[in-house]
């Protein structure tokens, strides 16, 4: 079993910044073996992909709407993946989730952390 705990969300004004963290743990779970992703879900909308990072942090990918504003990173020594969010916009509001990529899909989701951007 894998546990993911997101933190760092909150209320911020448009143009501000937040840094989200996702701490992973689990018996027999080797964090550095897995690619990780961040997703978000706005009120009344489906969950959408935001960013991903490969196992060693050498490769990252972003949805077009956050490119140049968000940065995904990881610290394998701390079993933690981060999402630095700058120049936040009201449309970035939502619950942010991290997830473990297993094969071609994402499994093991956290409980999410709320991000609210006021305009």
N, C-alpha and C. Protein backbone atom coordinates (compact mmCIF):
# COMPACT_ATOMS: atom_id res chain seq x y z
N UNK A 1 0.85 -1.19 0.00
CA UNK A 1 0.00 0.00 0.00
C UNK A 1 0.88 1.24 0.00
N UNK A 2 0.44 2.25 -0.71
CA UNK A 2 1.17 3.49 -0.82
C UNK A 2 0.31 4.63 -0.28
N UNK A 3 0.92 5.48 0.51
CA UNK A 3 0.22 6.65 1.02
C UNK A 3 0.86 7.91 0.46
N UNK A 4 0.03 8.81 0.00
CA UNK A 4 0.47 10.11 -0.51
C UNK A 4 -0.24 11.20 0.27
N UNK A 5 0.53 12.15 0.77
CA UNK A 5 -0.05 13.24 1.55
C UNK A 5 0.39 14.56 0.95
N UNK A 6 -0.59 15.29 0.41
CA UNK A 6 -0.31 16.60 -0.17
C UNK A 6 -0.44 17.68 0.89
N UNK A 7 0.32 18.74 0.72
CA UNK A 7 0.23 19.89 1.62
C UNK A 7 0.69 21.13 0.87
N UNK A 8 0.46 22.29 1.48
CA UNK A 8 0.94 23.54 0.92
C UNK A 8 -0.11 24.38 0.22
N UNK A 9 -1.31 23.86 0.12
CA UNK A 9 -2.37 24.65 -0.51
C UNK A 9 -2.80 25.80 0.38
N UNK A 10 -3.67 26.65 -0.18
CA UNK A 10 -4.17 27.78 0.59
C UNK A 10 -4.83 28.80 -0.29
N UNK A 11 -5.08 29.96 0.30
CA UNK A 11 -5.70 31.07 -0.41
C UNK A 11 -4.62 32.08 -0.78
N UNK A 12 -4.58 32.47 -2.04
CA UNK A 12 -3.56 33.40 -2.51
C UNK A 12 -4.19 34.34 -3.53
N UNK A 13 -3.68 35.55 -3.60
CA UNK A 13 -4.16 36.49 -4.60
C UNK A 13 -3.58 36.16 -5.97
N UNK A 14 -4.30 36.55 -7.00
CA UNK A 14 -3.81 36.36 -8.35
C UNK A 14 -2.43 37.01 -8.49
N UNK A 15 -1.54 36.30 -9.16
CA UNK A 15 -0.17 36.76 -9.30
C UNK A 15 0.77 36.24 -8.23
N UNK A 16 0.20 35.63 -7.21
CA UNK A 16 1.00 35.10 -6.12
C UNK A 16 1.55 33.72 -6.41
N UNK A 17 2.19 33.14 -5.38
CA UNK A 17 2.85 31.84 -5.53
C UNK A 17 2.49 30.91 -4.38
N UNK A 18 2.54 29.64 -4.68
CA UNK A 18 2.40 28.59 -3.67
C UNK A 18 3.33 27.45 -4.05
N UNK A 19 3.77 26.71 -3.03
CA UNK A 19 4.55 25.51 -3.28
C UNK A 19 3.86 24.33 -2.63
N UNK A 20 3.44 23.40 -3.46
CA UNK A 20 2.79 22.20 -2.97
C UNK A 20 3.82 21.10 -2.76
N UNK A 21 3.57 20.27 -1.76
CA UNK A 21 4.42 19.12 -1.49
C UNK A 21 3.56 17.87 -1.45
N UNK A 22 4.16 16.77 -1.81
CA UNK A 22 3.48 15.47 -1.74
C UNK A 22 4.48 14.47 -1.19
N UNK A 23 4.22 14.01 0.02
CA UNK A 23 5.09 13.05 0.68
C UNK A 23 4.55 11.65 0.47
N UNK A 24 5.41 10.76 0.01
CA UNK A 24 5.02 9.38 -0.29
C UNK A 24 5.62 8.42 0.73
N UNK A 25 4.87 7.40 1.05
CA UNK A 25 5.37 6.38 1.96
C UNK A 25 4.64 5.07 1.69
N UNK A 26 5.20 4.01 2.22
CA UNK A 26 4.55 2.71 2.07
C UNK A 26 5.56 1.60 2.20
N UNK A 27 5.12 0.55 2.81
CA UNK A 27 5.99 -0.61 2.97
C UNK A 27 6.33 -1.17 1.59
N UNK A 28 7.55 -1.37 1.33
CA UNK A 28 8.07 -1.92 0.08
C UNK A 28 7.97 -0.93 -1.08
N UNK A 29 7.49 0.29 -0.82
CA UNK A 29 7.37 1.28 -1.89
C UNK A 29 8.69 2.03 -2.03
N UNK A 30 9.28 1.95 -3.20
CA UNK A 30 10.54 2.64 -3.48
C UNK A 30 10.23 3.83 -4.36
N UNK A 31 10.17 4.97 -3.73
CA UNK A 31 9.75 6.21 -4.39
C UNK A 31 10.56 6.49 -5.66
N UNK A 32 11.85 6.30 -5.59
CA UNK A 32 12.73 6.66 -6.71
C UNK A 32 12.54 5.76 -7.92
N UNK A 33 11.74 4.72 -7.81
CA UNK A 33 11.46 3.84 -8.94
C UNK A 33 10.33 4.33 -9.83
N UNK A 34 9.62 5.37 -9.37
CA UNK A 34 8.38 5.75 -10.03
C UNK A 34 8.36 7.18 -10.54
N UNK A 35 7.75 7.34 -11.71
CA UNK A 35 7.40 8.67 -12.18
C UNK A 35 6.20 9.15 -11.37
N UNK A 36 6.11 10.47 -11.22
CA UNK A 36 5.04 11.06 -10.41
C UNK A 36 4.31 12.14 -11.20
N UNK A 37 3.07 12.40 -10.81
CA UNK A 37 2.30 13.42 -11.50
C UNK A 37 1.49 14.26 -10.54
N UNK A 38 1.15 15.45 -10.99
CA UNK A 38 0.22 16.34 -10.30
C UNK A 38 -1.01 16.53 -11.18
N UNK A 39 -2.16 16.53 -10.54
CA UNK A 39 -3.44 16.74 -11.21
C UNK A 39 -4.23 17.77 -10.42
N UNK A 40 -5.28 18.30 -11.01
CA UNK A 40 -6.15 19.22 -10.27
C UNK A 40 -7.59 19.05 -10.72
N UNK A 41 -8.49 19.44 -9.85
CA UNK A 41 -9.90 19.37 -10.17
C UNK A 41 -10.57 20.65 -9.70
N UNK A 42 -11.07 21.41 -10.66
CA UNK A 42 -11.80 22.64 -10.35
C UNK A 42 -13.25 22.30 -10.04
N UNK A 43 -13.93 23.17 -9.31
CA UNK A 43 -15.34 22.91 -8.98
C UNK A 43 -16.19 22.69 -10.23
N UNK A 44 -16.92 21.59 -10.25
CA UNK A 44 -17.80 21.31 -11.37
C UNK A 44 -17.13 20.79 -12.62
N UNK A 45 -15.81 20.54 -12.52
CA UNK A 45 -15.08 20.06 -13.69
C UNK A 45 -14.41 18.73 -13.40
N UNK A 46 -13.98 18.07 -14.46
CA UNK A 46 -13.28 16.82 -14.30
C UNK A 46 -11.83 17.08 -13.88
N UNK A 47 -11.26 16.08 -13.25
CA UNK A 47 -9.85 16.18 -12.88
C UNK A 47 -9.00 16.26 -14.14
N UNK A 48 -7.99 17.14 -14.10
CA UNK A 48 -7.13 17.29 -15.26
C UNK A 48 -5.66 17.14 -14.87
N UNK A 49 -4.90 16.69 -15.83
CA UNK A 49 -3.45 16.53 -15.66
C UNK A 49 -2.80 17.91 -15.62
N UNK A 50 -1.79 18.06 -14.76
CA UNK A 50 -1.06 19.33 -14.66
C UNK A 50 0.41 19.16 -15.05
N UNK A 51 1.08 18.19 -14.44
CA UNK A 51 2.52 18.05 -14.68
C UNK A 51 2.97 16.66 -14.27
N UNK A 52 4.12 16.27 -14.81
CA UNK A 52 4.69 14.97 -14.46
C UNK A 52 6.21 15.08 -14.43
N UNK A 53 6.81 14.17 -13.68
CA UNK A 53 8.26 14.13 -13.57
C UNK A 53 8.70 12.68 -13.56
N UNK A 54 9.82 12.40 -14.22
CA UNK A 54 10.25 11.01 -14.28
C UNK A 54 10.98 10.63 -12.98
N UNK A 55 11.42 9.40 -12.90
CA UNK A 55 11.91 8.85 -11.64
C UNK A 55 13.08 9.60 -11.04
N UNK A 56 13.96 10.15 -11.88
CA UNK A 56 15.15 10.82 -11.34
C UNK A 56 15.09 12.34 -11.50
N UNK A 57 13.96 12.86 -11.95
CA UNK A 57 13.82 14.30 -12.11
C UNK A 57 14.43 14.85 -13.38
N UNK A 58 14.94 13.99 -14.23
CA UNK A 58 15.60 14.45 -15.43
C UNK A 58 14.68 14.85 -16.56
N UNK A 59 13.41 14.50 -16.43
CA UNK A 59 12.45 14.81 -17.48
C UNK A 59 11.15 15.28 -16.85
N UNK A 60 10.64 16.39 -17.35
CA UNK A 60 9.37 16.92 -16.84
C UNK A 60 8.45 17.26 -18.01
N UNK A 61 7.17 17.33 -17.70
CA UNK A 61 6.18 17.65 -18.73
C UNK A 61 5.05 18.42 -18.08
N UNK A 62 4.48 19.37 -18.83
CA UNK A 62 3.42 20.23 -18.29
C UNK A 62 2.27 20.37 -19.28
N UNK A 63 1.11 20.57 -18.74
CA UNK A 63 -0.02 20.97 -19.58
C UNK A 63 0.26 22.39 -20.06
N UNK A 64 -0.20 22.72 -21.24
CA UNK A 64 0.13 24.02 -21.84
C UNK A 64 -0.25 25.19 -20.94
N UNK A 65 -1.36 25.07 -20.24
CA UNK A 65 -1.87 26.21 -19.46
C UNK A 65 -0.98 26.60 -18.29
N UNK A 66 -0.04 25.75 -17.89
CA UNK A 66 0.82 26.09 -16.74
C UNK A 66 2.29 26.23 -17.14
N UNK A 67 2.62 25.98 -18.38
CA UNK A 67 4.01 26.09 -18.83
C UNK A 67 4.55 27.49 -18.58
N UNK A 68 5.76 27.54 -18.03
CA UNK A 68 6.38 28.81 -17.72
C UNK A 68 5.98 29.39 -16.38
N UNK A 69 4.96 28.81 -15.75
CA UNK A 69 4.50 29.30 -14.44
C UNK A 69 4.70 28.27 -13.33
N UNK A 70 4.53 27.00 -13.65
CA UNK A 70 4.65 25.92 -12.66
C UNK A 70 5.94 25.14 -12.90
N UNK A 71 6.51 24.64 -11.82
CA UNK A 71 7.70 23.79 -11.91
C UNK A 71 7.51 22.58 -11.01
N UNK A 72 7.63 21.39 -11.59
CA UNK A 72 7.57 20.16 -10.82
C UNK A 72 9.00 19.71 -10.52
N UNK A 73 9.22 19.21 -9.31
CA UNK A 73 10.54 18.72 -8.93
C UNK A 73 10.34 17.62 -7.90
N UNK A 74 11.41 16.94 -7.57
CA UNK A 74 11.34 15.87 -6.58
C UNK A 74 12.63 15.77 -5.81
N UNK A 75 12.51 15.22 -4.61
CA UNK A 75 13.66 14.93 -3.76
C UNK A 75 13.52 13.47 -3.35
N UNK A 76 14.25 12.61 -4.02
CA UNK A 76 14.11 11.18 -3.74
C UNK A 76 14.60 10.79 -2.35
N UNK A 77 15.49 11.58 -1.79
CA UNK A 77 15.96 11.29 -0.44
C UNK A 77 14.86 11.55 0.59
N UNK A 78 13.91 12.41 0.24
CA UNK A 78 12.81 12.75 1.14
C UNK A 78 11.49 12.13 0.69
N UNK A 79 11.52 11.34 -0.37
CA UNK A 79 10.30 10.72 -0.90
C UNK A 79 9.21 11.76 -1.14
N UNK A 80 9.60 12.87 -1.71
CA UNK A 80 8.68 13.98 -1.86
C UNK A 80 8.75 14.57 -3.27
N UNK A 81 7.59 14.90 -3.80
CA UNK A 81 7.50 15.60 -5.07
C UNK A 81 6.85 16.96 -4.80
N UNK A 82 7.30 17.98 -5.54
CA UNK A 82 6.86 19.35 -5.31
C UNK A 82 6.21 19.93 -6.57
N UNK A 83 5.40 20.94 -6.35
CA UNK A 83 4.87 21.72 -7.46
C UNK A 83 4.96 23.19 -7.05
N UNK A 84 5.92 23.89 -7.64
CA UNK A 84 6.05 25.32 -7.42
C UNK A 84 5.15 26.04 -8.41
N UNK A 85 4.25 26.85 -7.88
CA UNK A 85 3.26 27.53 -8.72
C UNK A 85 3.44 29.03 -8.59
N UNK A 86 3.81 29.67 -9.67
CA UNK A 86 4.00 31.12 -9.70
C UNK A 86 2.99 31.77 -10.63
N UNK A 87 2.84 33.07 -10.49
CA UNK A 87 1.93 33.84 -11.35
C UNK A 87 0.55 33.19 -11.40
N UNK A 88 0.05 32.86 -10.24
CA UNK A 88 -1.22 32.13 -10.17
C UNK A 88 -2.37 32.96 -10.71
N UNK A 89 -3.30 32.24 -11.34
CA UNK A 89 -4.49 32.85 -11.93
C UNK A 89 -5.73 32.24 -11.28
N UNK A 90 -6.84 32.91 -11.41
CA UNK A 90 -8.07 32.40 -10.81
C UNK A 90 -8.44 31.03 -11.37
N UNK A 91 -8.09 30.79 -12.62
CA UNK A 91 -8.41 29.49 -13.23
C UNK A 91 -7.54 28.35 -12.72
N UNK A 92 -6.55 28.66 -11.89
CA UNK A 92 -5.74 27.62 -11.25
C UNK A 92 -6.41 27.09 -9.98
N UNK A 93 -7.51 27.70 -9.59
CA UNK A 93 -8.22 27.25 -8.39
C UNK A 93 -8.72 25.83 -8.54
N UNK A 94 -8.54 25.04 -7.47
CA UNK A 94 -9.00 23.67 -7.47
C UNK A 94 -8.33 22.86 -6.39
N UNK A 95 -8.69 21.59 -6.35
CA UNK A 95 -8.02 20.66 -5.45
C UNK A 95 -6.89 19.99 -6.24
N UNK A 96 -5.71 20.04 -5.69
CA UNK A 96 -4.53 19.49 -6.34
C UNK A 96 -4.17 18.15 -5.72
N UNK A 97 -3.93 17.17 -6.60
CA UNK A 97 -3.61 15.81 -6.18
C UNK A 97 -2.28 15.38 -6.79
N UNK A 98 -1.53 14.59 -6.04
CA UNK A 98 -0.38 13.91 -6.63
C UNK A 98 -0.73 12.44 -6.79
N UNK A 99 0.00 11.80 -7.68
CA UNK A 99 -0.27 10.39 -7.97
C UNK A 99 1.00 9.72 -8.46
N UNK A 100 1.03 8.41 -8.27
CA UNK A 100 2.15 7.58 -8.70
C UNK A 100 1.81 6.98 -10.05
N UNK A 101 2.74 7.08 -10.99
CA UNK A 101 2.51 6.48 -12.29
C UNK A 101 3.01 5.04 -12.27
N UNK A 102 2.13 4.11 -12.58
CA UNK A 102 2.49 2.71 -12.68
C UNK A 102 2.18 2.25 -14.09
N UNK A 103 3.19 1.98 -14.85
CA UNK A 103 2.97 1.61 -16.24
C UNK A 103 2.44 2.79 -17.02
N UNK A 104 1.27 2.62 -17.61
CA UNK A 104 0.69 3.67 -18.44
C UNK A 104 -0.42 4.43 -17.72
N UNK A 105 -0.62 4.18 -16.46
CA UNK A 105 -1.69 4.86 -15.75
C UNK A 105 -1.20 5.35 -14.39
N UNK A 106 -2.05 6.13 -13.74
CA UNK A 106 -1.73 6.64 -12.42
C UNK A 106 -2.55 5.91 -11.36
N UNK A 107 -1.84 5.45 -10.36
CA UNK A 107 -2.47 4.80 -9.22
C UNK A 107 -2.06 5.52 -7.96
N UNK A 108 -2.66 5.19 -6.86
CA UNK A 108 -2.28 5.70 -5.55
C UNK A 108 -2.36 7.23 -5.52
N UNK A 109 -3.51 7.70 -5.21
CA UNK A 109 -3.77 9.14 -5.16
C UNK A 109 -3.78 9.62 -3.72
N UNK A 110 -3.36 10.88 -3.55
CA UNK A 110 -3.46 11.49 -2.23
C UNK A 110 -4.86 12.03 -2.01
N UNK A 111 -5.05 12.68 -0.87
CA UNK A 111 -6.38 13.21 -0.52
C UNK A 111 -6.60 14.60 -1.12
N UNK A 112 -5.54 15.21 -1.59
CA UNK A 112 -5.65 16.51 -2.24
C UNK A 112 -5.43 17.67 -1.29
N UNK A 113 -5.05 18.80 -1.87
CA UNK A 113 -4.89 20.04 -1.11
C UNK A 113 -5.56 21.16 -1.91
N UNK A 114 -6.33 21.98 -1.21
CA UNK A 114 -7.11 23.03 -1.88
C UNK A 114 -6.25 24.24 -2.19
N UNK A 115 -6.35 24.70 -3.42
CA UNK A 115 -5.70 25.95 -3.85
C UNK A 115 -6.81 26.89 -4.33
N UNK A 116 -6.86 28.07 -3.72
CA UNK A 116 -7.85 29.06 -4.11
C UNK A 116 -7.14 30.35 -4.48
N UNK A 117 -7.36 30.81 -5.69
CA UNK A 117 -6.72 32.02 -6.18
C UNK A 117 -7.80 33.09 -6.33
N UNK A 118 -7.66 34.15 -5.58
CA UNK A 118 -8.64 35.23 -5.64
C UNK A 118 -8.20 36.28 -6.66
N UNK A 119 -9.16 36.77 -7.41
CA UNK A 119 -8.83 37.76 -8.45
C UNK A 119 -9.06 39.17 -7.96
